[in-house]
Amino acid sequence: MQHGPHRPASVPRPIALDQLPRGASATVLSLHPAPGDAQQALPLRLMEIGFLPGERVRVLARGFPAADPLAVRVGQATFALRRHEAALVQVQPEAPQGRAA
Protein backbone atom coordinates (compact mmCIF):
# COMPACT_ATOMS: atom_id res chain seq x y z
CA MET A 1 0.00 0.00 0.00
CA GLN A 2 1.41 3.38 -0.96
CA HIS A 3 1.18 6.47 1.19
CA GLY A 4 1.51 10.09 0.09
CA PRO A 5 5.05 11.39 -0.35
CA HIS A 6 4.80 13.53 2.79
CA ARG A 7 2.88 11.22 5.13
CA PRO A 8 4.61 8.18 6.64
CA ALA A 9 2.40 5.18 7.30
CA SER A 10 2.60 5.76 11.08
CA VAL A 11 1.18 9.33 10.95
CA PRO A 12 -2.64 9.38 11.25
CA ARG A 13 -4.63 11.55 8.84
CA PRO A 14 -6.26 14.77 10.09
CA ILE A 15 -9.84 14.30 11.28
CA ALA A 16 -12.62 16.31 12.87
CA LEU A 17 -12.50 16.46 16.68
CA ASP A 18 -15.86 14.68 16.95
CA GLN A 19 -14.22 11.61 15.33
CA LEU A 20 -11.33 11.42 17.82
CA PRO A 21 -11.73 8.36 20.08
CA ARG A 22 -12.24 8.72 23.83
CA GLY A 23 -8.88 9.02 25.58
CA ALA A 24 -7.03 10.04 22.41
CA SER A 25 -5.04 13.25 22.05
CA ALA A 26 -4.51 15.46 19.02
CA THR A 27 -3.29 18.88 17.94
CA VAL A 28 -5.72 21.49 16.62
CA LEU A 29 -5.02 22.30 12.97
CA SER A 30 -7.87 24.65 12.03
CA LEU A 31 -11.50 25.58 12.60
CA HIS A 32 -14.14 25.54 9.89
CA PRO A 33 -17.27 27.69 9.71
CA ALA A 34 -20.59 26.03 10.47
CA PRO A 35 -22.95 25.62 7.50
CA GLY A 36 -25.13 28.73 7.30
CA ASP A 37 -23.05 30.60 9.89
CA ALA A 38 -22.43 33.78 7.90
CA GLN A 39 -20.76 35.54 10.83
CA GLN A 40 -18.64 32.51 11.76
CA ALA A 41 -19.77 32.99 15.36
CA LEU A 42 -19.25 29.39 16.44
CA PRO A 43 -15.63 29.05 15.24
CA LEU A 44 -14.83 32.41 16.84
CA ARG A 45 -16.33 31.25 20.14
CA LEU A 46 -14.30 28.03 19.99
CA MET A 47 -11.13 30.07 19.41
CA GLU A 48 -12.00 32.37 22.32
CA ILE A 49 -12.17 29.42 24.72
CA GLY A 50 -8.84 27.99 23.57
CA PHE A 51 -9.33 25.83 20.47
CA LEU A 52 -6.46 27.44 18.57
CA PRO A 53 -4.14 25.93 15.94
CA GLY A 54 -1.24 24.21 17.68
CA GLU A 55 -3.13 23.54 20.94
CA ARG A 56 -3.22 19.97 22.25
CA VAL A 57 -6.69 18.52 22.90
CA ARG A 58 -7.92 15.27 24.43
CA VAL A 59 -11.37 13.67 24.40
CA LEU A 60 -12.09 12.69 28.01
CA ALA A 61 -15.62 11.31 27.67
CA ARG A 62 -18.62 10.98 25.39
CA GLY A 63 -22.25 11.29 26.37
CA PHE A 64 -24.66 8.39 26.26
CA PRO A 65 -26.37 7.12 24.13
CA ALA A 66 -25.48 9.25 21.09
CA ALA A 67 -21.93 10.29 22.10
CA ASP A 68 -23.24 13.81 22.64
CA PRO A 69 -21.83 15.95 24.21
CA LEU A 70 -18.09 15.32 24.32
CA ALA A 71 -15.93 16.30 27.29
CA VAL A 72 -12.77 17.78 25.77
CA ARG A 73 -9.67 19.08 27.52
CA VAL A 74 -7.75 21.92 25.91
CA GLY A 75 -4.87 23.35 27.90
CA GLN A 76 -5.86 23.24 31.58
CA ALA A 77 -9.60 23.58 30.94
CA THR A 78 -12.31 21.02 30.20
CA PHE A 79 -15.32 21.86 28.01
CA ALA A 80 -18.49 20.06 26.97
CA LEU A 81 -18.93 20.37 23.21
CA ARG A 82 -21.85 19.17 21.14
CA ARG A 83 -20.82 16.90 18.30
CA HIS A 84 -21.75 19.54 15.69
CA GLU A 85 -19.42 21.99 17.47
CA ALA A 86 -16.56 19.49 17.73
CA ALA A 87 -17.01 18.67 14.03
CA LEU A 88 -15.80 22.19 13.18
CA VAL A 89 -12.38 21.57 14.78
CA GLN A 90 -9.87 19.86 12.47
CA VAL A 91 -7.20 17.96 14.43
CA GLN A 92 -4.07 15.90 13.81
CA PRO A 93 -4.27 12.79 16.02
CA GLU A 94 -1.12 11.80 17.85
CA ALA A 95 0.57 8.67 16.59
CA PRO A 96 -0.23 5.65 18.78
CA GLN A 97 2.36 5.14 21.53
CA GLY A 98 4.26 1.93 22.10
CA ARG A 99 3.85 0.42 18.64
CA ALA A 100 6.84 -0.94 16.79
CA ALA A 101 7.23 0.30 13.23
PDB file of N, CA and C in Angstrom:
ATOM      1  N   MET A   1       0.839  -1.168   0.000  1.00  0.00           N
ATOM      2  CA  MET A   1       0.000   0.000   0.000  1.00  0.00           C
ATOM      3  C   MET A   1       0.887   1.234   0.000  1.00  0.00           C
ATOM      4  N   GLN A   2       0.601   2.175  -0.875  1.00  0.00           N
ATOM      5  CA  GLN A   2       1.406   3.385  -0.958  1.00  0.00           C
ATOM      6  C   GLN A   2       0.785   4.488  -0.128  1.00  0.00           C
ATOM      7  N   HIS A   3       1.616   5.304   0.421  1.00  0.00           N
ATOM      8  CA  HIS A   3       1.184   6.467   1.187  1.00  0.00           C
ATOM      9  C   HIS A   3       1.715   7.700   0.474  1.00  0.00           C
ATOM     10  N   GLY A   4       1.082   8.845   0.723  1.00  0.00           N
ATOM     11  CA  GLY A   4       1.505  10.087   0.093  1.00  0.00           C
ATOM     12  C   GLY A   4       2.977  10.349   0.355  1.00  0.00           C
ATOM     13  N   PRO A   5       3.608  11.156  -0.485  1.00  0.00           N
ATOM     14  CA  PRO A   5       5.049  11.391  -0.349  1.00  0.00           C
ATOM     15  C   PRO A   5       5.431  12.106   0.943  1.00  0.00           C
ATOM     16  N   HIS A   6       4.484  12.761   1.593  1.00  0.00           N
ATOM     17  CA  HIS A   6       4.803  13.530   2.793  1.00  0.00           C
ATOM     18  C   HIS A   6       4.204  12.933   4.057  1.00  0.00           C
ATOM     19  N   ARG A   7       3.550  11.789   3.976  1.00  0.00           N
ATOM     20  CA  ARG A   7       2.879  11.225   5.134  1.00  0.00           C
ATOM     21  C   ARG A   7       3.331   9.782   5.353  1.00  0.00           C
ATOM     22  N   PRO A   8       4.207   9.559   6.344  1.00  0.00           N
ATOM     23  CA  PRO A   8       4.610   8.185   6.643  1.00  0.00           C
ATOM     24  C   PRO A   8       3.402   7.362   7.090  1.00  0.00           C
ATOM     25  N   ALA A   9       3.500   6.067   6.951  1.00  0.00           N
ATOM     26  CA  ALA A   9       2.396   5.178   7.301  1.00  0.00           C
ATOM     27  C   ALA A   9       1.982   5.314   8.759  1.00  0.00           C
ATOM     28  N   SER A  10       2.894   5.700   9.646  1.00  0.00           N
ATOM     29  CA  SER A  10       2.595   5.764  11.076  1.00  0.00           C
ATOM     30  C   SER A  10       1.910   7.062  11.501  1.00  0.00           C
ATOM     31  N   VAL A  11       1.789   8.049  10.602  1.00  0.00           N
ATOM     32  CA  VAL A  11       1.178   9.328  10.951  1.00  0.00           C
ATOM     33  C   VAL A  11      -0.298   9.292  10.567  1.00  0.00           C
ATOM     34  N   PRO A  12      -1.209   9.407  11.561  1.00  0.00           N
ATOM     35  CA  PRO A  12      -2.641   9.384  11.245  1.00  0.00           C
ATOM     36  C   PRO A  12      -3.045  10.603  10.415  1.00  0.00           C
ATOM     37  N   ARG A  13      -4.099  10.448   9.642  1.00  0.00           N
ATOM     38  CA  ARG A  13      -4.634  11.547   8.841  1.00  0.00           C
ATOM     39  C   ARG A  13      -5.402  12.520   9.728  1.00  0.00           C
ATOM     40  N   PRO A  14      -5.443  13.803   9.345  1.00  0.00           N
ATOM     41  CA  PRO A  14      -6.260  14.767  10.091  1.00  0.00           C
ATOM     42  C   PRO A  14      -7.732  14.356  10.059  1.00  0.00           C
ATOM     43  N   ILE A  15      -8.422  14.617  11.161  1.00  0.00           N
ATOM     44  CA  ILE A  15      -9.841  14.296  11.283  1.00  0.00           C
ATOM     45  C   ILE A  15     -10.539  15.429  12.031  1.00  0.00           C
ATOM     46  N   ALA A  16     -11.857  15.373  12.057  1.00  0.00           N
ATOM     47  CA  ALA A  16     -12.625  16.312  12.872  1.00  0.00           C
ATOM     48  C   ALA A  16     -12.572  15.841  14.325  1.00  0.00           C
ATOM     49  N   LEU A  17     -12.597  16.780  15.253  1.00  0.00           N
ATOM     50  CA  LEU A  17     -12.500  16.462  16.679  1.00  0.00           C
ATOM     51  C   LEU A  17     -13.596  15.500  17.129  1.00  0.00           C
ATOM     52  N   ASP A  18     -14.782  15.577  16.545  1.00  0.00           N
ATOM     53  CA  ASP A  18     -15.864  14.676  16.955  1.00  0.00           C
ATOM     54  C   ASP A  18     -15.588  13.222  16.583  1.00  0.00           C
ATOM     55  N   GLN A  19     -14.593  12.969  15.727  1.00  0.00           N
ATOM     56  CA  GLN A  19     -14.218  11.610  15.330  1.00  0.00           C
ATOM     57  C   GLN A  19     -13.064  11.043  16.159  1.00  0.00           C
ATOM     58  N   LEU A  20     -12.460  11.867  17.001  1.00  0.00           N
ATOM     59  CA  LEU A  20     -11.331  11.423  17.823  1.00  0.00           C
ATOM     60  C   LEU A  20     -11.841  10.480  18.912  1.00  0.00           C
ATOM     61  N   PRO A  21     -11.254   9.305  19.063  1.00  0.00           N
ATOM     62  CA  PRO A  21     -11.727   8.356  20.076  1.00  0.00           C
ATOM     63  C   PRO A  21     -11.536   8.874  21.504  1.00  0.00           C
ATOM     64  N   ARG A  22     -12.354   8.373  22.410  1.00  0.00           N
ATOM     65  CA  ARG A  22     -12.239   8.719  23.828  1.00  0.00           C
ATOM     66  C   ARG A  22     -10.852   8.335  24.326  1.00  0.00           C
ATOM     67  N   GLY A  23     -10.209   9.252  25.036  1.00  0.00           N
ATOM     68  CA  GLY A  23      -8.875   9.018  25.576  1.00  0.00           C
ATOM     69  C   GLY A  23      -7.748   9.413  24.642  1.00  0.00           C
ATOM     70  N   ALA A  24      -8.066   9.684  23.382  1.00  0.00           N
ATOM     71  CA  ALA A  24      -7.034  10.040  22.406  1.00  0.00           C
ATOM     72  C   ALA A  24      -6.718  11.534  22.463  1.00  0.00           C
ATOM     73  N   SER A  25      -5.490  11.862  22.100  1.00  0.00           N
ATOM     74  CA  SER A  25      -5.036  13.252  22.050  1.00  0.00           C
ATOM     75  C   SER A  25      -4.722  13.637  20.616  1.00  0.00           C
ATOM     76  N   ALA A  26      -4.778  14.942  20.359  1.00  0.00           N
ATOM     77  CA  ALA A  26      -4.506  15.459  19.019  1.00  0.00           C
ATOM     78  C   ALA A  26      -4.083  16.916  19.138  1.00  0.00           C
ATOM     79  N   THR A  27      -3.648  17.470  18.024  1.00  0.00           N
ATOM     80  CA  THR A  27      -3.289  18.881  17.939  1.00  0.00           C
ATOM     81  C   THR A  27      -4.273  19.578  17.011  1.00  0.00           C
ATOM     82  N   VAL A  28      -4.786  20.723  17.442  1.00  0.00           N
ATOM     83  CA  VAL A  28      -5.718  21.492  16.616  1.00  0.00           C
ATOM     84  C   VAL A  28      -4.981  22.021  15.388  1.00  0.00           C
ATOM     85  N   LEU A  29      -5.573  21.793  14.214  1.00  0.00           N
ATOM     86  CA  LEU A  29      -5.016  22.302  12.966  1.00  0.00           C
ATOM     87  C   LEU A  29      -5.742  23.565  12.513  1.00  0.00           C
ATOM     88  N   SER A  30      -7.077  23.523  12.532  1.00  0.00           N
ATOM     89  CA  SER A  30      -7.866  24.647  12.035  1.00  0.00           C
ATOM     90  C   SER A  30      -9.304  24.515  12.510  1.00  0.00           C
ATOM     91  N   LEU A  31     -10.065  25.583  12.312  1.00  0.00           N
ATOM     92  CA  LEU A  31     -11.496  25.583  12.600  1.00  0.00           C
ATOM     93  C   LEU A  31     -12.228  25.956  11.324  1.00  0.00           C
ATOM     94  N   HIS A  32     -13.356  25.309  11.091  1.00  0.00           N
ATOM     95  CA  HIS A  32     -14.143  25.544   9.890  1.00  0.00           C
ATOM     96  C   HIS A  32     -15.457  26.202  10.267  1.00  0.00           C
ATOM     97  N   PRO A  33     -15.985  27.069   9.410  1.00  0.00           N
ATOM     98  CA  PRO A  33     -17.275  27.685   9.708  1.00  0.00           C
ATOM     99  C   PRO A  33     -18.399  26.662   9.654  1.00  0.00           C
ATOM    100  N   ALA A  34     -19.414  26.884  10.481  1.00  0.00           N
ATOM    101  CA  ALA A  34     -20.591  26.027  10.469  1.00  0.00           C
ATOM    102  C   ALA A  34     -21.418  26.344   9.228  1.00  0.00           C
ATOM    103  N   PRO A  35     -22.083  25.348   8.649  1.00  0.00           N
ATOM    104  CA  PRO A  35     -22.952  25.623   7.502  1.00  0.00           C
ATOM    105  C   PRO A  35     -24.005  26.668   7.878  1.00  0.00           C
ATOM    106  N   GLY A  36     -24.144  27.690   7.057  1.00  0.00           N
ATOM    107  CA  GLY A  36     -25.132  28.735   7.299  1.00  0.00           C
ATOM    108  C   GLY A  36     -24.728  29.752   8.350  1.00  0.00           C
ATOM    109  N   ASP A  37     -23.516  29.675   8.857  1.00  0.00           N
ATOM    110  CA  ASP A  37     -23.051  30.598   9.893  1.00  0.00           C
ATOM    111  C   ASP A  37     -22.287  31.735   9.212  1.00  0.00           C
ATOM    112  N   ALA A  38     -23.033  32.702   8.675  1.00  0.00           N
ATOM    113  CA  ALA A  38     -22.433  33.785   7.896  1.00  0.00           C
ATOM    114  C   ALA A  38     -21.425  34.591   8.707  1.00  0.00           C
ATOM    115  N   GLN A  39     -21.657  34.749   9.997  1.00  0.00           N
ATOM    116  CA  GLN A  39     -20.765  35.540  10.834  1.00  0.00           C
ATOM    117  C   GLN A  39     -19.630  34.710  11.440  1.00  0.00           C
ATOM    118  N   GLN A  40     -19.641  33.414  11.203  1.00  0.00           N
ATOM    119  CA  GLN A  40     -18.637  32.507  11.759  1.00  0.00           C
ATOM    120  C   GLN A  40     -18.567  32.621  13.280  1.00  0.00           C
ATOM    121  N   ALA A  41     -19.717  32.799  13.914  1.00  0.00           N
ATOM    122  CA  ALA A  41     -19.768  32.995  15.363  1.00  0.00           C
ATOM    123  C   ALA A  41     -19.270  31.772  16.134  1.00  0.00           C
ATOM    124  N   LEU A  42     -19.644  30.587  15.700  1.00  0.00           N
ATOM    125  CA  LEU A  42     -19.251  29.387  16.443  1.00  0.00           C
ATOM    126  C   LEU A  42     -17.741  29.146  16.400  1.00  0.00           C
ATOM    127  N   PRO A  43     -17.090  29.200  15.232  1.00  0.00           N
ATOM    128  CA  PRO A  43     -15.627  29.046  15.243  1.00  0.00           C
ATOM    129  C   PRO A  43     -14.931  30.127  16.069  1.00  0.00           C
ATOM    130  N   LEU A  44     -15.430  31.345  16.026  1.00  0.00           N
ATOM    131  CA  LEU A  44     -14.833  32.415  16.836  1.00  0.00           C
ATOM    132  C   LEU A  44     -14.968  32.109  18.320  1.00  0.00           C
ATOM    133  N   ARG A  45     -16.123  31.613  18.730  1.00  0.00           N
ATOM    134  CA  ARG A  45     -16.333  31.254  20.135  1.00  0.00           C
ATOM    135  C   ARG A  45     -15.382  30.132  20.548  1.00  0.00           C
ATOM    136  N   LEU A  46     -15.222  29.131  19.688  1.00  0.00           N
ATOM    137  CA  LEU A  46     -14.301  28.032  19.993  1.00  0.00           C
ATOM    138  C   LEU A  46     -12.866  28.543  20.138  1.00  0.00           C
ATOM    139  N   MET A  47     -12.474  29.488  19.294  1.00  0.00           N
ATOM    140  CA  MET A  47     -11.126  30.066  19.415  1.00  0.00           C
ATOM    141  C   MET A  47     -10.990  30.863  20.711  1.00  0.00           C
ATOM    142  N   GLU A  48     -12.037  31.584  21.090  1.00  0.00           N
ATOM    143  CA  GLU A  48     -11.997  32.373  22.323  1.00  0.00           C
ATOM    144  C   GLU A  48     -11.786  31.507  23.561  1.00  0.00           C
ATOM    145  N   ILE A  49     -12.314  30.288  23.546  1.00  0.00           N
ATOM    146  CA  ILE A  49     -12.173  29.425  24.725  1.00  0.00           C
ATOM    147  C   ILE A  49     -10.936  28.532  24.653  1.00  0.00           C
ATOM    148  N   GLY A  50     -10.121  28.680  23.583  1.00  0.00           N
ATOM    149  CA  GLY A  50      -8.838  27.991  23.572  1.00  0.00           C
ATOM    150  C   GLY A  50      -8.583  27.001  22.461  1.00  0.00           C
ATOM    151  N   PHE A  51      -9.541  26.766  21.575  1.00  0.00           N
ATOM    152  CA  PHE A  51      -9.333  25.829  20.473  1.00  0.00           C
ATOM    153  C   PHE A  51      -8.612  26.561  19.336  1.00  0.00           C
ATOM    154  N   LEU A  52      -7.305  26.709  19.509  1.00  0.00           N
ATOM    155  CA  LEU A  52      -6.461  27.444  18.574  1.00  0.00           C
ATOM    156  C   LEU A  52      -5.493  26.491  17.883  1.00  0.00           C
ATOM    157  N   PRO A  53      -5.126  26.776  16.624  1.00  0.00           N
ATOM    158  CA  PRO A  53      -4.143  25.934  15.944  1.00  0.00           C
ATOM    159  C   PRO A  53      -2.880  25.774  16.788  1.00  0.00           C
ATOM    160  N   GLY A  54      -2.434  24.526  16.903  1.00  0.00           N
ATOM    161  CA  GLY A  54      -1.244  24.209  17.684  1.00  0.00           C
ATOM    162  C   GLY A  54      -1.541  23.738  19.098  1.00  0.00           C
ATOM    163  N   GLU A  55      -2.766  23.972  19.588  1.00  0.00           N
ATOM    164  CA  GLU A  55      -3.128  23.538  20.944  1.00  0.00           C
ATOM    165  C   GLU A  55      -3.386  22.037  20.970  1.00  0.00           C
ATOM    166  N   ARG A  56      -2.997  21.402  22.056  1.00  0.00           N
ATOM    167  CA  ARG A  56      -3.224  19.971  22.249  1.00  0.00           C
ATOM    168  C   ARG A  56      -4.592  19.782  22.888  1.00  0.00           C
ATOM    169  N   VAL A  57      -5.363  18.825  22.372  1.00  0.00           N
ATOM    170  CA  VAL A  57      -6.688  18.517  22.900  1.00  0.00           C
ATOM    171  C   VAL A  57      -6.783  17.024  23.191  1.00  0.00           C
ATOM    172  N   ARG A  58      -7.696  16.679  24.094  1.00  0.00           N
ATOM    173  CA  ARG A  58      -7.916  15.272  24.431  1.00  0.00           C
ATOM    174  C   ARG A  58      -9.395  15.061  24.714  1.00  0.00           C
ATOM    175  N   VAL A  59      -9.977  14.018  24.131  1.00  0.00           N
ATOM    176  CA  VAL A  59     -11.368  13.670  24.400  1.00  0.00           C
ATOM    177  C   VAL A  59     -11.387  12.843  25.677  1.00  0.00           C
ATOM    178  N   LEU A  60     -12.042  13.370  26.713  1.00  0.00           N
ATOM    179  CA  LEU A  60     -12.095  12.694  28.008  1.00  0.00           C
ATOM    180  C   LEU A  60     -13.277  11.746  28.123  1.00  0.00           C
ATOM    181  N   ALA A  61     -14.413  12.129  27.551  1.00  0.00           N
ATOM    182  CA  ALA A  61     -15.620  11.310  27.675  1.00  0.00           C
ATOM    183  C   ALA A  61     -16.599  11.671  26.569  1.00  0.00           C
ATOM    184  N   ARG A  62     -17.537  10.762  26.345  1.00  0.00           N
ATOM    185  CA  ARG A  62     -18.625  10.981  25.391  1.00  0.00           C
ATOM    186  C   ARG A  62     -19.936  10.708  26.111  1.00  0.00           C
ATOM    187  N   GLY A  63     -20.939  11.495  25.779  1.00  0.00           N
ATOM    188  CA  GLY A  63     -22.254  11.294  26.373  1.00  0.00           C
ATOM    189  C   GLY A  63     -22.869   9.977  25.923  1.00  0.00           C
ATOM    190  N   PHE A  64     -23.964   9.631  26.582  1.00  0.00           N
ATOM    191  CA  PHE A  64     -24.662   8.392  26.256  1.00  0.00           C
ATOM    192  C   PHE A  64     -26.108   8.741  25.992  1.00  0.00           C
ATOM    193  N   PRO A  65     -26.758   8.231  25.003  1.00  0.00           N
ATOM    194  CA  PRO A  65     -26.374   7.124  24.128  1.00  0.00           C
ATOM    195  C   PRO A  65     -25.774   7.554  22.802  1.00  0.00           C
ATOM    196  N   ALA A  66     -25.884   8.826  22.436  1.00  0.00           N
ATOM    197  CA  ALA A  66     -25.484   9.250  21.088  1.00  0.00           C
ATOM    198  C   ALA A  66     -24.104   9.907  21.033  1.00  0.00           C
ATOM    199  N   ALA A  67     -23.273   9.695  22.043  1.00  0.00           N
ATOM    200  CA  ALA A  67     -21.926  10.288  22.099  1.00  0.00           C
ATOM    201  C   ALA A  67     -21.985  11.809  22.051  1.00  0.00           C
ATOM    202  N   ASP A  68     -23.038  12.366  22.648  1.00  0.00           N
ATOM    203  CA  ASP A  68     -23.239  13.813  22.636  1.00  0.00           C
ATOM    204  C   ASP A  68     -23.662  14.254  24.025  1.00  0.00           C
ATOM    205  N   PRO A  69     -22.986  15.177  24.659  1.00  0.00           N
ATOM    206  CA  PRO A  69     -21.830  15.948  24.213  1.00  0.00           C
ATOM    207  C   PRO A  69     -20.524  15.202  24.474  1.00  0.00           C
ATOM    208  N   LEU A  70     -19.430  15.836  24.062  1.00  0.00           N
ATOM    209  CA  LEU A  70     -18.088  15.323  24.320  1.00  0.00           C
ATOM    210  C   LEU A  70     -17.449  16.184  25.395  1.00  0.00           C
ATOM    211  N   ALA A  71     -16.745  15.561  26.322  1.00  0.00           N
ATOM    212  CA  ALA A  71     -15.926  16.298  27.290  1.00  0.00           C
ATOM    213  C   ALA A  71     -14.526  16.357  26.702  1.00  0.00           C
ATOM    214  N   VAL A  72     -14.049  17.578  26.446  1.00  0.00           N
ATOM    215  CA  VAL A  72     -12.771  17.776  25.767  1.00  0.00           C
ATOM    216  C   VAL A  72     -11.885  18.676  26.610  1.00  0.00           C
ATOM    217  N   ARG A  73     -10.641  18.256  26.801  1.00  0.00           N
ATOM    218  CA  ARG A  73      -9.666  19.077  27.523  1.00  0.00           C
ATOM    219  C   ARG A  73      -8.799  19.790  26.497  1.00  0.00           C
ATOM    220  N   VAL A  74      -8.668  21.104  26.705  1.00  0.00           N
ATOM    221  CA  VAL A  74      -7.751  21.917  25.906  1.00  0.00           C
ATOM    222  C   VAL A  74      -6.988  22.774  26.902  1.00  0.00           C
ATOM    223  N   GLY A  75      -5.666  22.669  26.881  1.00  0.00           N
ATOM    224  CA  GLY A  75      -4.865  23.351  27.896  1.00  0.00           C
ATOM    225  C   GLY A  75      -5.199  22.791  29.267  1.00  0.00           C
ATOM    226  N   GLN A  76      -5.511  23.662  30.219  1.00  0.00           N
ATOM    227  CA  GLN A  76      -5.855  23.238  31.581  1.00  0.00           C
ATOM    228  C   GLN A  76      -7.359  23.256  31.831  1.00  0.00           C
ATOM    229  N   ALA A  77      -8.150  23.471  30.786  1.00  0.00           N
ATOM    230  CA  ALA A  77      -9.604  23.581  30.937  1.00  0.00           C
ATOM    231  C   ALA A  77     -10.311  22.414  30.260  1.00  0.00           C
ATOM    232  N   THR A  78     -11.482  22.064  30.786  1.00  0.00           N
ATOM    233  CA  THR A  78     -12.314  21.020  30.201  1.00  0.00           C
ATOM    234  C   THR A  78     -13.636  21.641  29.783  1.00  0.00           C
ATOM    235  N   PHE A  79     -14.084  21.315  28.566  1.00  0.00           N
ATOM    236  CA  PHE A  79     -15.317  21.859  28.014  1.00  0.00           C
ATOM    237  C   PHE A  79     -16.208  20.732  27.529  1.00  0.00           C
ATOM    238  N   ALA A  80     -17.514  20.960  27.588  1.00  0.00           N
ATOM    239  CA  ALA A  80     -18.486  20.059  26.974  1.00  0.00           C
ATOM    240  C   ALA A  80     -18.850  20.660  25.625  1.00  0.00           C
ATOM    241  N   LEU A  81     -18.591  19.921  24.561  1.00  0.00           N
ATOM    242  CA  LEU A  81     -18.926  20.368  23.212  1.00  0.00           C
ATOM    243  C   LEU A  81     -19.948  19.429  22.608  1.00  0.00           C
ATOM    244  N   ARG A  82     -20.935  19.984  21.933  1.00  0.00           N
ATOM    245  CA  ARG A  82     -21.853  19.172  21.140  1.00  0.00           C
ATOM    246  C   ARG A  82     -21.069  18.629  19.947  1.00  0.00           C
ATOM    247  N   ARG A  83     -21.536  17.506  19.425  1.00  0.00           N
ATOM    248  CA  ARG A  83     -20.825  16.897  18.295  1.00  0.00           C
ATOM    249  C   ARG A  83     -20.727  17.848  17.115  1.00  0.00           C
ATOM    250  N   HIS A  84     -21.800  18.621  16.839  1.00  0.00           N
ATOM    251  CA  HIS A  84     -21.751  19.536  15.690  1.00  0.00           C
ATOM    252  C   HIS A  84     -20.727  20.648  15.913  1.00  0.00           C
ATOM    253  N   GLU A  85     -20.456  21.003  17.172  1.00  0.00           N
ATOM    254  CA  GLU A  85     -19.416  21.992  17.473  1.00  0.00           C
ATOM    255  C   GLU A  85     -18.032  21.376  17.294  1.00  0.00           C
ATOM    256  N   ALA A  86     -17.851  20.179  17.837  1.00  0.00           N
ATOM    257  CA  ALA A  86     -16.562  19.490  17.727  1.00  0.00           C
ATOM    258  C   ALA A  86     -16.217  19.170  16.274  1.00  0.00           C
ATOM    259  N   ALA A  87     -17.238  18.982  15.440  1.00  0.00           N
ATOM    260  CA  ALA A  87     -17.006  18.666  14.029  1.00  0.00           C
ATOM    261  C   ALA A  87     -16.353  19.819  13.276  1.00  0.00           C
ATOM    262  N   LEU A  88     -16.409  21.025  13.825  1.00  0.00           N
ATOM    263  CA  LEU A  88     -15.802  22.190  13.176  1.00  0.00           C
ATOM    264  C   LEU A  88     -14.301  22.291  13.430  1.00  0.00           C
ATOM    265  N   VAL A  89     -13.794  21.506  14.386  1.00  0.00           N
ATOM    266  CA  VAL A  89     -12.384  21.574  14.782  1.00  0.00           C
ATOM    267  C   VAL A  89     -11.613  20.456  14.078  1.00  0.00           C
ATOM    268  N   GLN A  90     -10.708  20.826  13.183  1.00  0.00           N
ATOM    269  CA  GLN A  90      -9.872  19.858  12.473  1.00  0.00           C
ATOM    270  C   GLN A  90      -8.632  19.598  13.315  1.00  0.00           C
ATOM    271  N   VAL A  91      -8.328  18.314  13.571  1.00  0.00           N
ATOM    272  CA  VAL A  91      -7.196  17.963  14.427  1.00  0.00           C
ATOM    273  C   VAL A  91      -6.290  16.943  13.754  1.00  0.00           C
ATOM    274  N   GLN A  92      -5.044  16.915  14.215  1.00  0.00           N
ATOM    275  CA  GLN A  92      -4.069  15.899  13.807  1.00  0.00           C
ATOM    276  C   GLN A  92      -3.898  14.958  14.985  1.00  0.00           C
ATOM    277  N   PRO A  93      -4.447  13.732  14.907  1.00  0.00           N
ATOM    278  CA  PRO A  93      -4.274  12.794  16.018  1.00  0.00           C
ATOM    279  C   PRO A  93      -2.804  12.483  16.256  1.00  0.00           C
ATOM    280  N   GLU A  94      -2.477  12.226  17.518  1.00  0.00           N
ATOM    281  CA  GLU A  94      -1.119  11.803  17.848  1.00  0.00           C
ATOM    282  C   GLU A  94      -0.937  10.368  17.398  1.00  0.00           C
ATOM    283  N   ALA A  95       0.275  10.039  16.974  1.00  0.00           N
ATOM    284  CA  ALA A  95       0.573   8.666  16.591  1.00  0.00           C
ATOM    285  C   ALA A  95       0.436   7.778  17.818  1.00  0.00           C
ATOM    286  N   PRO A  96      -0.096   6.562  17.641  1.00  0.00           N
ATOM    287  CA  PRO A  96      -0.226   5.647  18.782  1.00  0.00           C
ATOM    288  C   PRO A  96       1.122   5.402  19.446  1.00  0.00           C
ATOM    289  N   GLN A  97       1.134   5.363  20.760  1.00  0.00           N
ATOM    290  CA  GLN A  97       2.360   5.144  21.532  1.00  0.00           C
ATOM    291  C   GLN A  97       2.617   3.650  21.704  1.00  0.00           C
ATOM    292  N   GLY A  98       3.887   3.296  21.753  1.00  0.00           N
ATOM    293  CA  GLY A  98       4.262   1.928  22.100  1.00  0.00           C
ATOM    294  C   GLY A  98       4.155   0.922  20.980  1.00  0.00           C
ATOM    295  N   ARG A  99       3.924   1.364  19.754  1.00  0.00           N
ATOM    296  CA  ARG A  99       3.847   0.424  18.644  1.00  0.00           C
ATOM    297  C   ARG A  99       5.172   0.389  17.901  1.00  0.00           C
ATOM    298  N   ALA A 100       5.603  -0.787  17.572  1.00  0.00           N
ATOM    299  CA  ALA A 100       6.835  -0.938  16.794  1.00  0.00           C
ATOM    300  C   ALA A 100       6.535  -0.675  15.332  1.00  0.00           C
ATOM    301  N   ALA A 101       7.440  -0.024  14.648  1.00  0.00           N
ATOM    302  CA  ALA A 101       7.230   0.297  13.230  1.00  0.00           C
ATOM    303  C   ALA A 101       7.558  -0.882  12.362  1.00  0.00           C
TER     304      ALA A 101
END
